[in-house]
Amino acid sequence: MTVVIGYIPNVYGEAALSAGIEEARRRGTGVLVVNASKGDSLADPKFVGESAWADLGDRLGDLEIPHDVRQTIGSDVADELIDAVREVDAEVVVIGIRHRTAVGKMLMGSVAQRVLLEAPCPVIAVKPA
């Protein structure tokens, strides 16, 4: 079994990565780190660039736990995470969350909310320290 981690290159993604790695160690399993983007803008700050992606792979390699990384573009981010969870039969999915206003959720949707409601396994939602 695997711990799936939703990762974006910011404090929320780093919080999810740290919590996901600790959860994998606690469970004695590996991690699948997923970074996804709809691809609806020329520069998406949530999409990990090539050099940062290589650095992330190196960081995971140094941890001595089984790991895989996946990056997709063009699909709904929540769907990508949920599909990954189903594909690897994940024990748990870890995501970073941030505060959003009710209007913000209504207008822009919420990846975290969809993952919390639709994931077929437990979800750990973490905030940065």
N, C-alpha and C. Protein backbone atom coordinates (compact mmCIF):
# COMPACT_ATOMS: atom_id res chain seq x y z
N MET A 1 0.84 -1.17 0.00
CA MET A 1 0.00 0.00 0.00
C MET A 1 0.89 1.24 0.00
N THR A 2 0.27 2.37 -0.28
CA THR A 2 1.02 3.60 -0.50
C THR A 2 0.32 4.78 0.14
N VAL A 3 1.11 5.80 0.47
CA VAL A 3 0.59 7.09 0.89
C VAL A 3 0.69 8.02 -0.32
N VAL A 4 -0.43 8.57 -0.76
CA VAL A 4 -0.43 9.52 -1.87
C VAL A 4 -0.36 10.93 -1.28
N ILE A 5 0.51 11.75 -1.85
CA ILE A 5 0.71 13.11 -1.37
C ILE A 5 0.42 14.08 -2.51
N GLY A 6 -0.52 14.99 -2.27
CA GLY A 6 -0.78 16.06 -3.23
C GLY A 6 0.24 17.16 -2.98
N TYR A 7 1.05 17.48 -3.99
CA TYR A 7 2.16 18.41 -3.80
C TYR A 7 2.08 19.60 -4.75
N ILE A 8 2.25 20.79 -4.18
CA ILE A 8 2.46 22.00 -4.95
C ILE A 8 3.67 22.71 -4.34
N PRO A 9 4.44 23.46 -5.14
CA PRO A 9 5.68 24.04 -4.63
C PRO A 9 5.46 25.31 -3.80
N ASN A 10 4.89 25.13 -2.62
CA ASN A 10 4.73 26.25 -1.69
C ASN A 10 4.64 25.68 -0.27
N VAL A 11 4.31 26.51 0.69
CA VAL A 11 4.30 26.05 2.09
C VAL A 11 3.23 24.99 2.33
N TYR A 12 2.13 25.03 1.58
CA TYR A 12 1.08 24.02 1.74
C TYR A 12 1.53 22.67 1.20
N GLY A 13 2.20 22.69 0.08
CA GLY A 13 2.74 21.46 -0.49
C GLY A 13 3.84 20.87 0.38
N GLU A 14 4.68 21.74 0.93
CA GLU A 14 5.75 21.26 1.81
C GLU A 14 5.18 20.65 3.08
N ALA A 15 4.11 21.24 3.61
CA ALA A 15 3.45 20.68 4.80
C ALA A 15 2.88 19.30 4.48
N ALA A 16 2.26 19.16 3.31
CA ALA A 16 1.71 17.86 2.90
C ALA A 16 2.82 16.85 2.69
N LEU A 17 3.92 17.27 2.07
CA LEU A 17 5.04 16.37 1.83
C LEU A 17 5.63 15.86 3.14
N SER A 18 5.88 16.76 4.07
CA SER A 18 6.44 16.36 5.37
C SER A 18 5.51 15.40 6.10
N ALA A 19 4.22 15.75 6.15
CA ALA A 19 3.25 14.89 6.85
C ALA A 19 3.10 13.55 6.15
N GLY A 20 3.12 13.56 4.83
CA GLY A 20 2.99 12.32 4.07
C GLY A 20 4.18 11.38 4.27
N ILE A 21 5.37 11.95 4.30
CA ILE A 21 6.57 11.14 4.54
C ILE A 21 6.53 10.53 5.93
N GLU A 22 6.16 11.32 6.92
CA GLU A 22 6.05 10.80 8.28
C GLU A 22 4.99 9.71 8.38
N GLU A 23 3.88 9.91 7.69
CA GLU A 23 2.82 8.89 7.70
C GLU A 23 3.29 7.60 7.04
N ALA A 24 4.04 7.72 5.94
CA ALA A 24 4.57 6.53 5.26
C ALA A 24 5.55 5.78 6.17
N ARG A 25 6.39 6.53 6.85
CA ARG A 25 7.32 5.88 7.79
C ARG A 25 6.55 5.17 8.89
N ARG A 26 5.54 5.83 9.44
CA ARG A 26 4.74 5.24 10.51
C ARG A 26 4.05 3.96 10.05
N ARG A 27 3.59 3.96 8.81
CA ARG A 27 2.87 2.81 8.26
C ARG A 27 3.79 1.77 7.63
N GLY A 28 5.06 2.13 7.44
CA GLY A 28 6.00 1.21 6.81
C GLY A 28 5.71 0.99 5.34
N THR A 29 5.37 2.06 4.65
CA THR A 29 5.02 1.97 3.24
C THR A 29 5.73 3.06 2.45
N GLY A 30 5.46 3.12 1.17
CA GLY A 30 6.07 4.13 0.31
C GLY A 30 5.13 5.29 0.05
N VAL A 31 5.61 6.23 -0.78
CA VAL A 31 4.82 7.40 -1.13
C VAL A 31 4.72 7.55 -2.65
N LEU A 32 3.61 8.12 -3.06
CA LEU A 32 3.43 8.57 -4.43
C LEU A 32 3.13 10.06 -4.34
N VAL A 33 4.01 10.89 -4.88
CA VAL A 33 3.83 12.33 -4.86
C VAL A 33 3.22 12.75 -6.20
N VAL A 34 2.08 13.43 -6.12
CA VAL A 34 1.36 13.85 -7.32
C VAL A 34 1.34 15.37 -7.40
N ASN A 35 1.79 15.89 -8.54
CA ASN A 35 1.72 17.33 -8.84
C ASN A 35 0.94 17.45 -10.14
N ALA A 36 -0.16 18.20 -10.10
CA ALA A 36 -1.02 18.30 -11.28
C ALA A 36 -1.41 19.74 -11.52
N SER A 37 -1.72 20.03 -12.77
CA SER A 37 -2.17 21.36 -13.16
C SER A 37 -3.21 21.21 -14.26
N LYS A 38 -4.20 22.09 -14.23
CA LYS A 38 -5.18 22.11 -15.32
C LYS A 38 -4.54 22.54 -16.63
N GLY A 39 -3.46 23.32 -16.52
CA GLY A 39 -2.80 23.81 -17.73
C GLY A 39 -3.56 24.95 -18.39
N ASP A 40 -4.36 25.65 -17.59
CA ASP A 40 -5.19 26.71 -18.16
C ASP A 40 -4.54 28.09 -18.10
N SER A 41 -3.26 28.14 -17.75
CA SER A 41 -2.53 29.42 -17.79
C SER A 41 -1.10 29.15 -18.23
N LEU A 42 -0.45 30.17 -18.74
CA LEU A 42 0.91 29.99 -19.25
C LEU A 42 1.90 29.70 -18.14
N ALA A 43 1.70 30.30 -16.99
CA ALA A 43 2.60 30.08 -15.86
C ALA A 43 1.75 29.72 -14.63
N ASP A 44 1.80 28.48 -14.23
CA ASP A 44 1.02 28.01 -13.08
C ASP A 44 1.98 27.82 -11.91
N PRO A 45 1.86 28.65 -10.87
CA PRO A 45 2.79 28.54 -9.74
C PRO A 45 2.63 27.24 -8.95
N LYS A 46 1.58 26.50 -9.21
CA LYS A 46 1.37 25.23 -8.51
C LYS A 46 2.02 24.06 -9.24
N PHE A 47 2.52 24.30 -10.44
CA PHE A 47 3.14 23.26 -11.24
C PHE A 47 4.65 23.29 -11.01
N VAL A 48 5.22 22.17 -10.67
CA VAL A 48 6.65 22.09 -10.36
C VAL A 48 7.45 22.08 -11.66
N GLY A 49 8.43 23.00 -11.77
CA GLY A 49 9.29 23.05 -12.94
C GLY A 49 10.29 21.90 -12.97
N GLU A 50 10.96 21.74 -14.10
CA GLU A 50 11.87 20.60 -14.29
C GLU A 50 12.96 20.50 -13.23
N SER A 51 13.65 21.60 -12.94
CA SER A 51 14.76 21.53 -11.98
C SER A 51 14.23 21.26 -10.57
N ALA A 52 13.11 21.90 -10.22
CA ALA A 52 12.53 21.65 -8.90
C ALA A 52 12.01 20.23 -8.80
N TRP A 53 11.51 19.68 -9.90
CA TRP A 53 11.02 18.30 -9.91
C TRP A 53 12.18 17.33 -9.67
N ALA A 54 13.33 17.61 -10.30
CA ALA A 54 14.52 16.78 -10.08
C ALA A 54 14.98 16.88 -8.63
N ASP A 55 14.95 18.09 -8.06
CA ASP A 55 15.32 18.27 -6.66
C ASP A 55 14.39 17.50 -5.73
N LEU A 56 13.10 17.50 -6.05
CA LEU A 56 12.13 16.76 -5.24
C LEU A 56 12.44 15.26 -5.30
N GLY A 57 12.75 14.76 -6.49
CA GLY A 57 13.12 13.35 -6.64
C GLY A 57 14.36 13.00 -5.83
N ASP A 58 15.35 13.91 -5.83
CA ASP A 58 16.56 13.70 -5.04
C ASP A 58 16.24 13.68 -3.55
N ARG A 59 15.40 14.60 -3.10
CA ARG A 59 15.01 14.64 -1.68
C ARG A 59 14.34 13.34 -1.27
N LEU A 60 13.45 12.84 -2.11
CA LEU A 60 12.77 11.59 -1.79
C LEU A 60 13.74 10.42 -1.81
N GLY A 61 14.67 10.44 -2.74
CA GLY A 61 15.66 9.37 -2.83
C GLY A 61 16.53 9.28 -1.60
N ASP A 62 16.80 10.41 -0.98
CA ASP A 62 17.63 10.44 0.23
C ASP A 62 16.92 9.87 1.45
N LEU A 63 15.61 9.67 1.38
CA LEU A 63 14.83 9.24 2.53
C LEU A 63 14.82 7.74 2.76
N GLU A 64 15.25 6.98 1.78
CA GLU A 64 15.29 5.52 1.88
C GLU A 64 13.91 4.92 2.13
N ILE A 65 12.89 5.49 1.50
CA ILE A 65 11.57 4.87 1.49
C ILE A 65 11.15 4.73 0.03
N PRO A 66 10.38 3.70 -0.28
CA PRO A 66 9.92 3.57 -1.67
C PRO A 66 9.12 4.81 -2.07
N HIS A 67 9.39 5.30 -3.27
CA HIS A 67 8.71 6.51 -3.71
C HIS A 67 8.54 6.54 -5.22
N ASP A 68 7.55 7.27 -5.63
CA ASP A 68 7.32 7.52 -7.04
C ASP A 68 6.78 8.95 -7.14
N VAL A 69 7.00 9.58 -8.26
CA VAL A 69 6.49 10.93 -8.48
C VAL A 69 5.71 10.94 -9.79
N ARG A 70 4.66 11.73 -9.80
CA ARG A 70 3.80 11.80 -10.99
C ARG A 70 3.41 13.25 -11.21
N GLN A 71 3.53 13.67 -12.46
CA GLN A 71 3.15 15.04 -12.80
C GLN A 71 2.26 15.00 -14.02
N THR A 72 1.11 15.67 -13.92
CA THR A 72 0.17 15.68 -15.04
C THR A 72 -0.24 17.11 -15.35
N ILE A 73 -0.67 17.31 -16.57
CA ILE A 73 -1.15 18.63 -16.98
C ILE A 73 -2.38 18.42 -17.87
N GLY A 74 -3.38 19.27 -17.68
CA GLY A 74 -4.53 19.23 -18.55
C GLY A 74 -5.78 18.64 -17.95
N SER A 75 -5.69 18.03 -16.79
CA SER A 75 -6.86 17.43 -16.16
C SER A 75 -7.20 18.16 -14.87
N ASP A 76 -8.37 17.86 -14.35
CA ASP A 76 -8.78 18.41 -13.08
C ASP A 76 -7.86 17.87 -11.98
N VAL A 77 -7.36 18.74 -11.14
CA VAL A 77 -6.38 18.35 -10.11
C VAL A 77 -6.99 17.36 -9.13
N ALA A 78 -8.19 17.60 -8.67
CA ALA A 78 -8.84 16.68 -7.73
C ALA A 78 -9.01 15.31 -8.38
N ASP A 79 -9.43 15.27 -9.63
CA ASP A 79 -9.58 13.99 -10.33
C ASP A 79 -8.26 13.24 -10.41
N GLU A 80 -7.18 13.96 -10.69
CA GLU A 80 -5.86 13.33 -10.78
C GLU A 80 -5.47 12.68 -9.44
N LEU A 81 -5.69 13.42 -8.35
CA LEU A 81 -5.36 12.87 -7.04
C LEU A 81 -6.22 11.64 -6.71
N ILE A 82 -7.51 11.75 -6.95
CA ILE A 82 -8.42 10.64 -6.64
C ILE A 82 -8.11 9.44 -7.53
N ASP A 83 -7.82 9.68 -8.80
CA ASP A 83 -7.44 8.58 -9.69
C ASP A 83 -6.17 7.89 -9.22
N ALA A 84 -5.19 8.67 -8.78
CA ALA A 84 -3.94 8.09 -8.27
C ALA A 84 -4.20 7.24 -7.03
N VAL A 85 -5.05 7.73 -6.15
CA VAL A 85 -5.41 7.00 -4.93
C VAL A 85 -6.01 5.65 -5.29
N ARG A 86 -6.92 5.65 -6.25
CA ARG A 86 -7.57 4.39 -6.67
C ARG A 86 -6.57 3.47 -7.36
N GLU A 87 -5.74 4.05 -8.21
CA GLU A 87 -4.80 3.24 -8.99
C GLU A 87 -3.83 2.45 -8.11
N VAL A 88 -3.32 3.10 -7.07
CA VAL A 88 -2.33 2.43 -6.21
C VAL A 88 -2.96 1.82 -4.96
N ASP A 89 -4.29 1.90 -4.86
CA ASP A 89 -5.01 1.40 -3.68
C ASP A 89 -4.39 1.98 -2.41
N ALA A 90 -4.32 3.31 -2.38
CA ALA A 90 -3.64 4.02 -1.29
C ALA A 90 -4.30 3.77 0.06
N GLU A 91 -3.47 3.74 1.07
CA GLU A 91 -3.96 3.64 2.45
C GLU A 91 -4.53 4.97 2.90
N VAL A 92 -3.90 6.05 2.46
CA VAL A 92 -4.28 7.40 2.88
C VAL A 92 -3.76 8.39 1.85
N VAL A 93 -4.43 9.54 1.76
CA VAL A 93 -3.95 10.63 0.92
C VAL A 93 -3.71 11.83 1.83
N VAL A 94 -2.61 12.56 1.57
CA VAL A 94 -2.25 13.72 2.38
C VAL A 94 -2.26 14.95 1.49
N ILE A 95 -2.97 15.98 1.95
CA ILE A 95 -3.06 17.23 1.19
C ILE A 95 -2.82 18.41 2.13
N GLY A 96 -2.30 19.48 1.58
CA GLY A 96 -2.18 20.73 2.32
C GLY A 96 -3.44 21.55 2.10
N ILE A 97 -3.86 22.25 3.14
CA ILE A 97 -5.07 23.07 3.00
C ILE A 97 -4.78 24.49 3.45
N ARG A 98 -5.59 25.40 2.95
CA ARG A 98 -5.51 26.80 3.35
C ARG A 98 -6.92 27.30 3.59
N HIS A 99 -7.03 28.36 4.35
CA HIS A 99 -8.33 28.94 4.63
C HIS A 99 -8.89 29.62 3.39
N ARG A 100 -10.15 29.40 3.11
CA ARG A 100 -10.83 30.07 2.01
C ARG A 100 -12.16 30.59 2.50
N THR A 101 -12.55 31.70 1.97
CA THR A 101 -13.86 32.25 2.32
C THR A 101 -14.94 31.44 1.62
N ALA A 102 -16.16 31.56 2.10
CA ALA A 102 -17.28 30.85 1.48
C ALA A 102 -17.45 31.28 0.02
N VAL A 103 -17.29 32.55 -0.24
CA VAL A 103 -17.42 33.05 -1.62
C VAL A 103 -16.28 32.50 -2.48
N GLY A 104 -15.09 32.44 -1.93
CA GLY A 104 -13.95 31.89 -2.67
C GLY A 104 -14.19 30.44 -3.05
N LYS A 105 -14.75 29.66 -2.15
CA LYS A 105 -15.05 28.25 -2.45
C LYS A 105 -16.12 28.15 -3.53
N MET A 106 -17.13 29.00 -3.45
CA MET A 106 -18.23 28.94 -4.40
C MET A 106 -17.75 29.32 -5.81
N LEU A 107 -16.93 30.34 -5.92
CA LEU A 107 -16.51 30.83 -7.22
C LEU A 107 -15.42 29.97 -7.85
N MET A 108 -14.51 29.48 -7.04
CA MET A 108 -13.35 28.81 -7.59
C MET A 108 -13.30 27.32 -7.31
N GLY A 109 -14.23 26.79 -6.53
CA GLY A 109 -14.18 25.38 -6.20
C GLY A 109 -13.06 25.12 -5.22
N SER A 110 -12.90 23.88 -4.84
CA SER A 110 -11.85 23.55 -3.90
C SER A 110 -11.37 22.13 -4.15
N VAL A 111 -10.11 22.01 -4.54
CA VAL A 111 -9.52 20.69 -4.73
C VAL A 111 -9.57 19.92 -3.42
N ALA A 112 -9.19 20.58 -2.34
CA ALA A 112 -9.18 19.91 -1.03
C ALA A 112 -10.56 19.39 -0.67
N GLN A 113 -11.57 20.20 -0.89
CA GLN A 113 -12.92 19.78 -0.54
C GLN A 113 -13.34 18.55 -1.34
N ARG A 114 -13.05 18.54 -2.63
CA ARG A 114 -13.41 17.38 -3.45
C ARG A 114 -12.65 16.14 -3.02
N VAL A 115 -11.37 16.28 -2.71
CA VAL A 115 -10.59 15.12 -2.27
C VAL A 115 -11.14 14.60 -0.95
N LEU A 116 -11.43 15.50 -0.02
CA LEU A 116 -12.00 15.09 1.26
C LEU A 116 -13.31 14.32 1.08
N LEU A 117 -14.14 14.76 0.18
CA LEU A 117 -15.45 14.14 0.00
C LEU A 117 -15.44 12.90 -0.89
N GLU A 118 -14.53 12.84 -1.85
CA GLU A 118 -14.60 11.78 -2.86
C GLU A 118 -13.52 10.72 -2.77
N ALA A 119 -12.47 10.94 -2.02
CA ALA A 119 -11.40 9.94 -1.93
C ALA A 119 -11.94 8.66 -1.28
N PRO A 120 -11.56 7.50 -1.82
CA PRO A 120 -12.04 6.24 -1.28
C PRO A 120 -11.22 5.73 -0.08
N CYS A 121 -10.41 6.60 0.49
CA CYS A 121 -9.58 6.22 1.63
C CYS A 121 -9.53 7.41 2.59
N PRO A 122 -8.97 7.22 3.78
CA PRO A 122 -8.84 8.37 4.69
C PRO A 122 -8.00 9.49 4.06
N VAL A 123 -8.30 10.72 4.45
CA VAL A 123 -7.57 11.90 3.98
C VAL A 123 -7.00 12.62 5.19
N ILE A 124 -5.73 12.94 5.11
CA ILE A 124 -5.10 13.76 6.14
C ILE A 124 -4.88 15.14 5.53
N ALA A 125 -5.52 16.14 6.11
CA ALA A 125 -5.40 17.52 5.63
C ALA A 125 -4.55 18.29 6.63
N VAL A 126 -3.46 18.88 6.16
CA VAL A 126 -2.53 19.57 7.05
C VAL A 126 -2.37 21.03 6.64
N LYS A 127 -2.03 21.84 7.63
CA LYS A 127 -1.72 23.25 7.40
C LYS A 127 -0.24 23.47 7.73
N PRO A 128 0.37 24.47 7.11
CA PRO A 128 1.75 24.78 7.46
C PRO A 128 1.84 25.24 8.90
N ALA A 129 3.01 25.05 9.50
CA ALA A 129 3.21 25.45 10.90
C ALA A 129 3.07 26.95 11.05
